[in-house]
Amino acid sequence: MRLIRTVLMAAALSPAATHGAPAPAGANATPADAVRLYGEAIAERDPAKLARAFQPSAIAYEVDGGTVAATYQAQWKARLAKAPEPPEPSGPPPAIERIDAGATTALARLRSVRDGRPLVNYVLLARLAGGWRIVGTLRQADPAESPASAAGVAGVVDDKFEADRGWDEARLGQTLDPRALVMSVEDGEFVAASAVEWRARYVDRRRTSPGARFKVTSRLVDAQGDIGMARWSFRTDSGEWTDRALMLRTASGWRMAALLFVREAP
């Protein structure tokens, strides 16, 4: 699953790749800018840079031996502020191994080294009024590459399609981790709802519609160990849409740890 990241990666990370208006001065103009700030914040123990890289409600999840730990922004900033300066350079910043970016949302796979162990981090980003920000991360040390992981992530995407085709709130619930947020971007503003709220909206939709009608135009799946990411794009009567998600293997199977959707075009 390792990809060559040279000229093609540079093109994907350019401002033109986001297809949007220029970001405000001092903001993150590309997904790569937010990722760079993320790396600098950790290396420099800088809470201010972390705040510029992340949307305030973003949660960082980490999988370790079947246990999932969550760190919210206030916790993370406090830890950075109290952490001692590293006695020597902490190593190179996280390398972007893969990025999938649209006009308003993006996913990236990063690789770094922590305590001598490889660390894979999947990052979900959104282009907000103030520039690109990270809205969620999911990481694991020493993840094993496995076709079964990719198949598990793909199965969640298929189940989401079936839930949408019948506004099936129970099936939707089986695709979402209970703590997951379902997010969107509207006029540059971040919008989010809980998994419970989103299931209730499916019940409301079913009262007036038998189900969603759409044609899938493309999809991407990437997984290592117990974590992964996915993107699927589709067309409906209301326009072109793209969903991007962070994926997590739980005791009940693979689930979305975060879901971000936007309408790309009318």
C-alpha atoms as a PDB file:
ATOM      1  CA  MET A   1       0.000   0.000   0.000  1.00  0.00           C
ATOM      2  CA  ARG A   2       3.004   2.310  -0.005  1.00  0.00           C
ATOM      3  CA  LEU A   3       2.814   4.929  -2.726  1.00  0.00           C
ATOM      4  CA  ILE A   4       5.429   6.877  -4.627  1.00  0.00           C
ATOM      5  CA  ARG A   5       5.153  10.467  -3.409  1.00  0.00           C
ATOM      6  CA  THR A   6       7.165  12.803  -5.626  1.00  0.00           C
ATOM      7  CA  VAL A   7       5.869  15.083  -8.383  1.00  0.00           C
ATOM      8  CA  LEU A   8       2.310  13.801  -8.130  1.00  0.00           C
ATOM      9  CA  MET A   9       2.266  14.460  -4.391  1.00  0.00           C
ATOM     10  CA  ALA A  10       3.530  17.989  -4.866  1.00  0.00           C
ATOM     11  CA  ALA A  11       0.732  18.670  -7.336  1.00  0.00           C
ATOM     12  CA  ALA A  12      -1.884  17.250  -4.967  1.00  0.00           C
ATOM     13  CA  LEU A  13      -0.685  19.537  -2.173  1.00  0.00           C
ATOM     14  CA  SER A  14      -0.648  22.736  -4.215  1.00  0.00           C
ATOM     15  CA  PRO A  15      -3.238  25.462  -3.548  1.00  0.00           C
ATOM     16  CA  ALA A  16      -4.750  24.813  -6.988  1.00  0.00           C
ATOM     17  CA  ALA A  17      -5.629  21.294  -5.888  1.00  0.00           C
ATOM     18  CA  THR A  18      -8.266  22.659  -3.501  1.00  0.00           C
ATOM     19  CA  HIS A  19     -10.137  24.450  -6.351  1.00  0.00           C
ATOM     20  CA  GLY A  20     -11.251  27.190  -3.942  1.00  0.00           C
ATOM     21  CA  ALA A  21     -10.684  30.885  -3.343  1.00  0.00           C
ATOM     22  CA  PRO A  22      -7.397  31.861  -1.663  1.00  0.00           C
ATOM     23  CA  ALA A  23      -7.368  31.385   2.096  1.00  0.00           C
ATOM     24  CA  PRO A  24      -7.120  34.470   4.316  1.00  0.00           C
ATOM     25  CA  ALA A  25      -3.624  35.808   4.993  1.00  0.00           C
ATOM     26  CA  GLY A  26      -1.855  33.698   7.615  1.00  0.00           C
ATOM     27  CA  ALA A  27      -4.311  30.806   7.243  1.00  0.00           C
ATOM     28  CA  ASN A  28      -3.584  27.295   6.028  1.00  0.00           C
ATOM     29  CA  ALA A  29      -3.904  27.588   2.249  1.00  0.00           C
ATOM     30  CA  THR A  30      -3.658  23.828   1.642  1.00  0.00           C
ATOM     31  CA  PRO A  31      -4.202  20.606   3.610  1.00  0.00           C
ATOM     32  CA  ALA A  32      -0.409  20.256   3.725  1.00  0.00           C
ATOM     33  CA  ASP A  33      -0.126  23.568   5.580  1.00  0.00           C
ATOM     34  CA  ALA A  34      -2.357  22.243   8.366  1.00  0.00           C
ATOM     35  CA  VAL A  35      -0.371  19.005   8.514  1.00  0.00           C
ATOM     36  CA  ARG A  36       2.907  20.949   8.654  1.00  0.00           C
ATOM     37  CA  LEU A  37       1.629  23.042  11.584  1.00  0.00           C
ATOM     38  CA  TYR A  38       0.535  19.848  13.314  1.00  0.00           C
ATOM     39  CA  GLY A  39       4.082  18.487  13.090  1.00  0.00           C
ATOM     40  CA  GLU A  40       5.621  21.769  14.228  1.00  0.00           C
ATOM     41  CA  ALA A  41       3.254  22.004  17.191  1.00  0.00           C
ATOM     42  CA  ILE A  42       4.338  18.604  18.479  1.00  0.00           C
ATOM     43  CA  ALA A  43       8.054  19.145  17.828  1.00  0.00           C
ATOM     44  CA  GLU A  44       8.069  22.627  19.378  1.00  0.00           C
ATOM     45  CA  ARG A  45       5.579  21.938  22.195  1.00  0.00           C
ATOM     46  CA  ASP A  46       3.538  24.858  20.870  1.00  0.00           C
ATOM     47  CA  PRO A  47      -0.182  24.966  21.835  1.00  0.00           C
ATOM     48  CA  ALA A  48      -0.738  28.034  19.623  1.00  0.00           C
ATOM     49  CA  LYS A  49       0.383  26.181  16.500  1.00  0.00           C
ATOM     50  CA  LEU A  50      -1.780  23.218  17.464  1.00  0.00           C
ATOM     51  CA  ALA A  51      -4.752  25.596  17.654  1.00  0.00           C
ATOM     52  CA  ARG A  52      -4.008  26.915  14.161  1.00  0.00           C
ATOM     53  CA  ALA A  53      -3.758  23.378  12.750  1.00  0.00           C
ATOM     54  CA  PHE A  54      -6.903  21.907  14.336  1.00  0.00           C
ATOM     55  CA  GLN A  55     -10.573  22.793  14.415  1.00  0.00           C
ATOM     56  CA  PRO A  56     -11.360  23.334  18.138  1.00  0.00           C
ATOM     57  CA  SER A  57     -13.699  20.339  18.522  1.00  0.00           C
ATOM     58  CA  ALA A  58     -11.317  17.885  16.805  1.00  0.00           C
ATOM     59  CA  ILE A  59     -10.477  14.733  18.749  1.00  0.00           C
ATOM     60  CA  ALA A  60      -7.318  12.670  18.329  1.00  0.00           C
ATOM     61  CA  TYR A  61      -7.926   8.939  18.715  1.00  0.00           C
ATOM     62  CA  GLU A  62      -5.166   6.371  19.203  1.00  0.00           C
ATOM     63  CA  VAL A  63      -5.446   2.584  19.096  1.00  0.00           C
ATOM     64  CA  ASP A  64      -3.124   0.559  21.315  1.00  0.00           C
ATOM     65  CA  GLY A  65      -3.674  -3.154  21.810  1.00  0.00           C
ATOM     66  CA  GLY A  66      -7.421  -2.963  21.301  1.00  0.00           C
ATOM     67  CA  THR A  67      -7.795   0.064  23.587  1.00  0.00           C
ATOM     68  CA  VAL A  68      -8.908   3.370  22.057  1.00  0.00           C
ATOM     69  CA  ALA A  69      -7.710   6.544  23.784  1.00  0.00           C
ATOM     70  CA  ALA A  70      -9.214   9.936  22.953  1.00  0.00           C
ATOM     71  CA  THR A  71      -7.526  13.300  23.425  1.00  0.00           C
ATOM     72  CA  TYR A  72      -9.503  16.496  23.019  1.00  0.00           C
ATOM     73  CA  GLN A  73      -7.916  19.839  22.264  1.00  0.00           C
ATOM     74  CA  ALA A  74      -7.856  21.353  25.764  1.00  0.00           C
ATOM     75  CA  GLN A  75      -6.075  18.239  27.078  1.00  0.00           C
ATOM     76  CA  TRP A  76      -3.567  18.246  24.252  1.00  0.00           C
ATOM     77  CA  LYS A  77      -2.720  21.938  24.586  1.00  0.00           C
ATOM     78  CA  ALA A  78      -2.240  21.589  28.329  1.00  0.00           C
ATOM     79  CA  ARG A  79       0.110  18.639  27.853  1.00  0.00           C
ATOM     80  CA  LEU A  80       2.156  20.533  25.296  1.00  0.00           C
ATOM     81  CA  ALA A  81       2.424  23.576  27.557  1.00  0.00           C
ATOM     82  CA  LYS A  82       3.664  21.443  30.479  1.00  0.00           C
ATOM     83  CA  ALA A  83       5.965  19.152  28.484  1.00  0.00           C
ATOM     84  CA  PRO A  84       9.708  19.735  28.899  1.00  0.00           C
ATOM     85  CA  GLU A  85      11.749  20.750  25.894  1.00  0.00           C
ATOM     86  CA  PRO A  86      13.213  17.723  24.081  1.00  0.00           C
ATOM     87  CA  PRO A  87      16.921  17.254  24.895  1.00  0.00           C
ATOM     88  CA  GLU A  88      17.676  16.885  21.199  1.00  0.00           C
ATOM     89  CA  PRO A  89      15.809  17.224  17.888  1.00  0.00           C
ATOM     90  CA  SER A  90      12.815  14.909  17.903  1.00  0.00           C
ATOM     91  CA  GLY A  91      13.325  13.791  14.326  1.00  0.00           C
ATOM     92  CA  PRO A  92      11.756  14.717  10.996  1.00  0.00           C
ATOM     93  CA  PRO A  93       8.143  15.867  10.886  1.00  0.00           C
ATOM     94  CA  PRO A  94       5.426  13.414   9.842  1.00  0.00           C
ATOM     95  CA  ALA A  95       5.766  12.424   6.193  1.00  0.00           C
ATOM     96  CA  ILE A  96       2.664  12.608   4.031  1.00  0.00           C
ATOM     97  CA  GLU A  97       2.440   9.222   2.342  1.00  0.00           C
ATOM     98  CA  ARG A  98      -0.913   9.766   0.699  1.00  0.00           C
ATOM     99  CA  ILE A  99      -3.387  12.588   0.322  1.00  0.00           C
ATOM    100  CA  ASP A 100      -6.839  12.747  -1.227  1.00  0.00           C
ATOM    101  CA  ALA A 101      -8.127  16.328  -1.492  1.00  0.00           C
ATOM    102  CA  GLY A 102     -11.184  17.993  -2.936  1.00  0.00           C
ATOM    103  CA  ALA A 103     -12.331  21.598  -2.883  1.00  0.00           C
ATOM    104  CA  THR A 104     -13.538  21.487   0.726  1.00  0.00           C
ATOM    105  CA  THR A 105     -12.416  18.253   2.401  1.00  0.00           C
ATOM    106  CA  ALA A 106      -9.328  16.048   2.419  1.00  0.00           C
ATOM    107  CA  LEU A 107      -7.834  12.885   3.888  1.00  0.00           C
ATOM    108  CA  ALA A 108      -4.166  12.176   4.468  1.00  0.00           C
ATOM    109  CA  ARG A 109      -2.050   9.268   5.668  1.00  0.00           C
ATOM    110  CA  LEU A 110       1.014  10.318   7.656  1.00  0.00           C
ATOM    111  CA  ARG A 111       3.957   8.303   8.919  1.00  0.00           C
ATOM    112  CA  SER A 112       6.359   9.252  11.685  1.00  0.00           C
ATOM    113  CA  VAL A 113       8.536   7.619  14.327  1.00  0.00           C
ATOM    114  CA  ARG A 114       7.801   7.727  18.060  1.00  0.00           C
ATOM    115  CA  ASP A 115      10.103   6.062  20.590  1.00  0.00           C
ATOM    116  CA  GLY A 116      11.724   4.188  17.736  1.00  0.00           C
ATOM    117  CA  ARG A 117       8.407   2.751  16.524  1.00  0.00           C
ATOM    118  CA  PRO A 118       6.662   3.630  13.248  1.00  0.00           C
ATOM    119  CA  LEU A 119       3.419   5.533  13.796  1.00  0.00           C
ATOM    120  CA  VAL A 120       0.683   5.779  11.144  1.00  0.00           C
ATOM    121  CA  ASN A 121      -1.796   8.624  11.453  1.00  0.00           C
ATOM    122  CA  TYR A 122      -4.897   9.131   9.315  1.00  0.00           C
ATOM    123  CA  VAL A 123      -6.020  12.769   9.234  1.00  0.00           C
ATOM    124  CA  LEU A 124      -9.371  14.255   8.208  1.00  0.00           C
ATOM    125  CA  LEU A 125      -9.381  17.910   7.118  1.00  0.00           C
ATOM    126  CA  ALA A 126     -11.898  20.575   6.116  1.00  0.00           C
ATOM    127  CA  ARG A 127     -11.485  23.910   4.351  1.00  0.00           C
ATOM    128  CA  LEU A 128     -13.240  26.421   6.578  1.00  0.00           C
ATOM    129  CA  ALA A 129     -13.632  30.186   6.328  1.00  0.00           C
ATOM    130  CA  GLY A 130     -10.252  30.614   8.044  1.00  0.00           C
ATOM    131  CA  GLY A 131      -8.405  28.067   5.913  1.00  0.00           C
ATOM    132  CA  TRP A 132      -7.742  24.328   6.107  1.00  0.00           C
ATOM    133  CA  ARG A 133      -8.047  22.732   9.565  1.00  0.00           C
ATOM    134  CA  ILE A 134      -7.728  19.195  10.888  1.00  0.00           C
ATOM    135  CA  VAL A 135     -11.103  17.973  12.184  1.00  0.00           C
ATOM    136  CA  GLY A 136     -10.015  14.533  13.398  1.00  0.00           C
ATOM    137  CA  THR A 137      -7.097  12.109  13.580  1.00  0.00           C
ATOM    138  CA  LEU A 138      -6.746   8.381  14.136  1.00  0.00           C
ATOM    139  CA  ARG A 139      -3.361   6.772  14.744  1.00  0.00           C
ATOM    140  CA  GLN A 140      -1.690   3.504  15.671  1.00  0.00           C
ATOM    141  CA  ALA A 141       1.882   2.383  16.293  1.00  0.00           C
ATOM    142  CA  ASP A 142       3.255  -0.541  14.275  1.00  0.00           C
ATOM    143  CA  PRO A 143       0.085  -1.183  12.249  1.00  0.00           C
ATOM    144  CA  ALA A 144       0.251  -4.328  10.133  1.00  0.00           C
ATOM    145  CA  GLU A 145      -0.671  -3.985   6.466  1.00  0.00           C
ATOM    146  CA  SER A 146      -3.438  -6.428   5.658  1.00  0.00           C
ATOM    147  CA  PRO A 147      -5.892  -6.866   2.775  1.00  0.00           C
ATOM    148  CA  ALA A 148      -8.447  -7.841   5.421  1.00  0.00           C
ATOM    149  CA  SER A 149      -8.272  -4.340   6.900  1.00  0.00           C
ATOM    150  CA  ALA A 150      -8.984  -2.739   3.533  1.00  0.00           C
ATOM    151  CA  ALA A 151     -11.863  -5.181   2.992  1.00  0.00           C
ATOM    152  CA  GLY A 152     -13.304  -4.255   6.387  1.00  0.00           C
ATOM    153  CA  VAL A 153     -13.249  -0.545   5.550  1.00  0.00           C
ATOM    154  CA  ALA A 154     -14.815  -1.194   2.142  1.00  0.00           C
ATOM    155  CA  GLY A 155     -17.578  -3.167   3.842  1.00  0.00           C
ATOM    156  CA  VAL A 156     -18.478  -0.171   6.015  1.00  0.00           C
ATOM    157  CA  VAL A 157     -18.792   1.992   2.894  1.00  0.00           C
ATOM    158  CA  ASP A 158     -21.073  -0.605   1.277  1.00  0.00           C
ATOM    159  CA  ASP A 159     -23.225  -0.728   4.404  1.00  0.00           C
ATOM    160  CA  LYS A 160     -23.498   3.068   4.395  1.00  0.00           C
ATOM    161  CA  PHE A 161     -24.764   2.927   0.803  1.00  0.00           C
ATOM    162  CA  GLU A 162     -27.426   0.406   1.790  1.00  0.00           C
ATOM    163  CA  ALA A 163     -28.469   2.479   4.795  1.00  0.00           C
ATOM    164  CA  ASP A 164     -28.920   5.521   2.553  1.00  0.00           C
ATOM    165  CA  ARG A 165     -30.924   3.603  -0.054  1.00  0.00           C
ATOM    166  CA  GLY A 166     -33.607   2.863   2.532  1.00  0.00           C
ATOM    167  CA  TRP A 167     -32.992   5.574   5.157  1.00  0.00           C
ATOM    168  CA  ASP A 168     -32.294   2.625   7.456  1.00  0.00           C
ATOM    169  CA  GLU A 169     -31.286   4.179  10.793  1.00  0.00           C
ATOM    170  CA  ALA A 170     -30.401   0.810  12.344  1.00  0.00           C
ATOM    171  CA  ARG A 171     -28.018  -0.053   9.531  1.00  0.00           C
ATOM    172  CA  LEU A 172     -26.553   3.448   9.670  1.00  0.00           C
ATOM    173  CA  GLY A 173     -25.912   2.909  13.379  1.00  0.00           C
ATOM    174  CA  GLN A 174     -23.921  -0.213  12.567  1.00  0.00           C
ATOM    175  CA  THR A 175     -21.519   1.879  10.460  1.00  0.00           C
ATOM    176  CA  LEU A 176     -20.839   4.566  13.089  1.00  0.00           C
ATOM    177  CA  ASP A 177     -18.874   4.315  16.311  1.00  0.00           C
ATOM    178  CA  PRO A 178     -21.136   5.631  19.123  1.00  0.00           C
ATOM    179  CA  ARG A 179     -18.835   8.625  19.762  1.00  0.00           C
ATOM    180  CA  ALA A 180     -18.469   9.525  16.074  1.00  0.00           C
ATOM    181  CA  LEU A 181     -19.434  12.949  14.780  1.00  0.00           C
ATOM    182  CA  VAL A 182     -21.152  13.402  11.417  1.00  0.00           C
ATOM    183  CA  MET A 183     -19.777  16.668  10.036  1.00  0.00           C
ATOM    184  CA  SER A 184     -20.189  19.026   7.097  1.00  0.00           C
ATOM    185  CA  VAL A 185     -19.105  22.465   5.897  1.00  0.00           C
ATOM    186  CA  GLU A 186     -21.706  25.083   4.985  1.00  0.00           C
ATOM    187  CA  ASP A 187     -20.541  28.469   3.657  1.00  0.00           C
ATOM    188  CA  GLY A 188     -17.175  27.954   5.296  1.00  0.00           C
ATOM    189  CA  GLU A 189     -18.697  27.087   8.677  1.00  0.00           C
ATOM    190  CA  PHE A 190     -18.169  23.795  10.487  1.00  0.00           C
ATOM    191  CA  VAL A 191     -21.366  21.834  11.267  1.00  0.00           C
ATOM    192  CA  ALA A 192     -21.501  18.651  13.343  1.00  0.00           C
ATOM    193  CA  ALA A 193     -24.060  16.260  14.856  1.00  0.00           C
ATOM    194  CA  SER A 194     -23.808  13.120  16.980  1.00  0.00           C
ATOM    195  CA  ALA A 195     -24.367   9.608  15.654  1.00  0.00           C
ATOM    196  CA  VAL A 196     -27.602   9.415  17.648  1.00  0.00           C
ATOM    197  CA  GLU A 197     -28.864  12.650  16.088  1.00  0.00           C
ATOM    198  CA  TRP A 198     -27.965  11.458  12.594  1.00  0.00           C
ATOM    199  CA  ARG A 199     -29.905   8.240  13.066  1.00  0.00           C
ATOM    200  CA  ALA A 200     -32.926  10.299  14.118  1.00  0.00           C
ATOM    201  CA  ARG A 201     -32.638  12.305  10.898  1.00  0.00           C
ATOM    202  CA  TYR A 202     -32.861   9.087   8.879  1.00  0.00           C
ATOM    203  CA  VAL A 203     -36.141   8.306  10.632  1.00  0.00           C
ATOM    204  CA  ASP A 204     -37.422  11.765   9.672  1.00  0.00           C
ATOM    205  CA  ARG A 205     -36.336  11.344   6.051  1.00  0.00           C
ATOM    206  CA  ARG A 206     -38.055   7.979   5.735  1.00  0.00           C
ATOM    207  CA  ARG A 207     -41.387   9.604   6.505  1.00  0.00           C
ATOM    208  CA  THR A 208     -41.269  11.553   3.240  1.00  0.00           C
ATOM    209  CA  SER A 209     -38.915   9.491   1.038  1.00  0.00           C
ATOM    210  CA  PRO A 210     -38.432   5.746   0.489  1.00  0.00           C
ATOM    211  CA  GLY A 211     -34.654   6.229   0.245  1.00  0.00           C
ATOM    212  CA  ALA A 212     -31.807   8.051  -1.441  1.00  0.00           C
ATOM    213  CA  ARG A 213     -31.198   7.644  -5.163  1.00  0.00           C
ATOM    214  CA  PHE A 214     -27.590   8.121  -6.228  1.00  0.00           C
ATOM    215  CA  LYS A 215     -24.861   6.926  -8.558  1.00  0.00           C
ATOM    216  CA  VAL A 216     -21.413   6.268  -7.105  1.00  0.00           C
ATOM    217  CA  THR A 217     -18.753   7.922  -9.268  1.00  0.00           C
ATOM    218  CA  SER A 218     -15.553   7.006  -7.393  1.00  0.00           C
ATOM    219  CA  ARG A 219     -14.271   5.635  -4.120  1.00  0.00           C
ATOM    220  CA  LEU A 220     -10.990   5.218  -2.219  1.00  0.00           C
ATOM    221  CA  VAL A 221     -10.087   2.850   0.606  1.00  0.00           C
ATOM    222  CA  ASP A 222      -6.857   2.824   2.630  1.00  0.00           C
ATOM    223  CA  ALA A 223      -6.272   0.809   5.807  1.00  0.00           C
ATOM    224  CA  GLN A 224      -3.429  -0.456   7.964  1.00  0.00           C
ATOM    225  CA  GLY A 225      -3.779  -2.467  11.137  1.00  0.00           C
ATOM    226  CA  ASP A 226      -6.870  -1.356  13.049  1.00  0.00           C
ATOM    227  CA  ILE A 227      -7.246   2.060  11.400  1.00  0.00           C
ATOM    228  CA  GLY A 228      -8.053   3.402   7.948  1.00  0.00           C
ATOM    229  CA  MET A 229      -9.730   6.030   5.811  1.00  0.00           C
ATOM    230  CA  ALA A 230     -12.231   6.065   2.968  1.00  0.00           C
ATOM    231  CA  ARG A 231     -13.679   8.502   0.456  1.00  0.00           C
ATOM    232  CA  TRP A 232     -16.693   7.989  -1.793  1.00  0.00           C
ATOM    233  CA  SER A 233     -18.181  10.405  -4.317  1.00  0.00           C
ATOM    234  CA  PHE A 234     -21.632  10.184  -5.834  1.00  0.00           C
ATOM    235  CA  ARG A 235     -24.252  12.076  -7.810  1.00  0.00           C
ATOM    236  CA  THR A 236     -27.860  12.655  -6.736  1.00  0.00           C
ATOM    237  CA  ASP A 237     -30.639  14.854  -8.049  1.00  0.00           C
ATOM    238  CA  SER A 238     -29.322  17.596  -5.750  1.00  0.00           C
ATOM    239  CA  GLY A 239     -25.765  17.536  -7.109  1.00  0.00           C
ATOM    240  CA  GLU A 240     -22.322  16.000  -6.655  1.00  0.00           C
ATOM    241  CA  TRP A 241     -21.436  14.906  -3.122  1.00  0.00           C
ATOM    242  CA  THR A 242     -18.322  13.534  -1.419  1.00  0.00           C
ATOM    243  CA  ASP A 243     -18.050  11.734   1.918  1.00  0.00           C
ATOM    244  CA  ARG A 244     -14.742  11.218   3.705  1.00  0.00           C
ATOM    245  CA  ALA A 245     -14.334   9.130   6.849  1.00  0.00           C
ATOM    246  CA  LEU A 246     -11.833   7.885   9.396  1.00  0.00           C
ATOM    247  CA  MET A 247     -12.289   4.161  10.069  1.00  0.00           C
ATOM    248  CA  LEU A 248     -11.620   2.154  13.208  1.00  0.00           C
ATOM    249  CA  ARG A 249     -11.730  -1.573  13.977  1.00  0.00           C
ATOM    250  CA  THR A 250     -13.737  -2.137  17.167  1.00  0.00           C
ATOM    251  CA  ALA A 251     -14.807  -5.229  19.077  1.00  0.00           C
ATOM    252  CA  SER A 252     -18.016  -5.117  16.999  1.00  0.00           C
ATOM    253  CA  GLY A 253     -16.206  -4.732  13.687  1.00  0.00           C
ATOM    254  CA  TRP A 254     -15.113  -1.794  11.552  1.00  0.00           C
ATOM    255  CA  ARG A 255     -16.864   1.512  12.184  1.00  0.00           C
ATOM    256  CA  MET A 256     -16.579   5.149  11.143  1.00  0.00           C
ATOM    257  CA  ALA A 257     -14.847   7.165  13.866  1.00  0.00           C
ATOM    258  CA  ALA A 258     -15.648  10.414  12.004  1.00  0.00           C
ATOM    259  CA  LEU A 259     -17.642  11.234   8.866  1.00  0.00           C
ATOM    260  CA  LEU A 260     -17.361  14.475   6.862  1.00  0.00           C
ATOM    261  CA  PHE A 261     -19.628  15.148   3.870  1.00  0.00           C
ATOM    262  CA  VAL A 262     -19.985  18.098   1.481  1.00  0.00           C
ATOM    263  CA  ARG A 263     -21.742  18.944  -1.741  1.00  0.00           C
ATOM    264  CA  GLU A 264     -19.015  19.487  -4.301  1.00  0.00           C
ATOM    265  CA  ALA A 265     -21.172  20.890  -7.127  1.00  0.00           C
ATOM    266  CA  PRO A 266     -24.849  21.482  -8.057  1.00  0.00           C
END
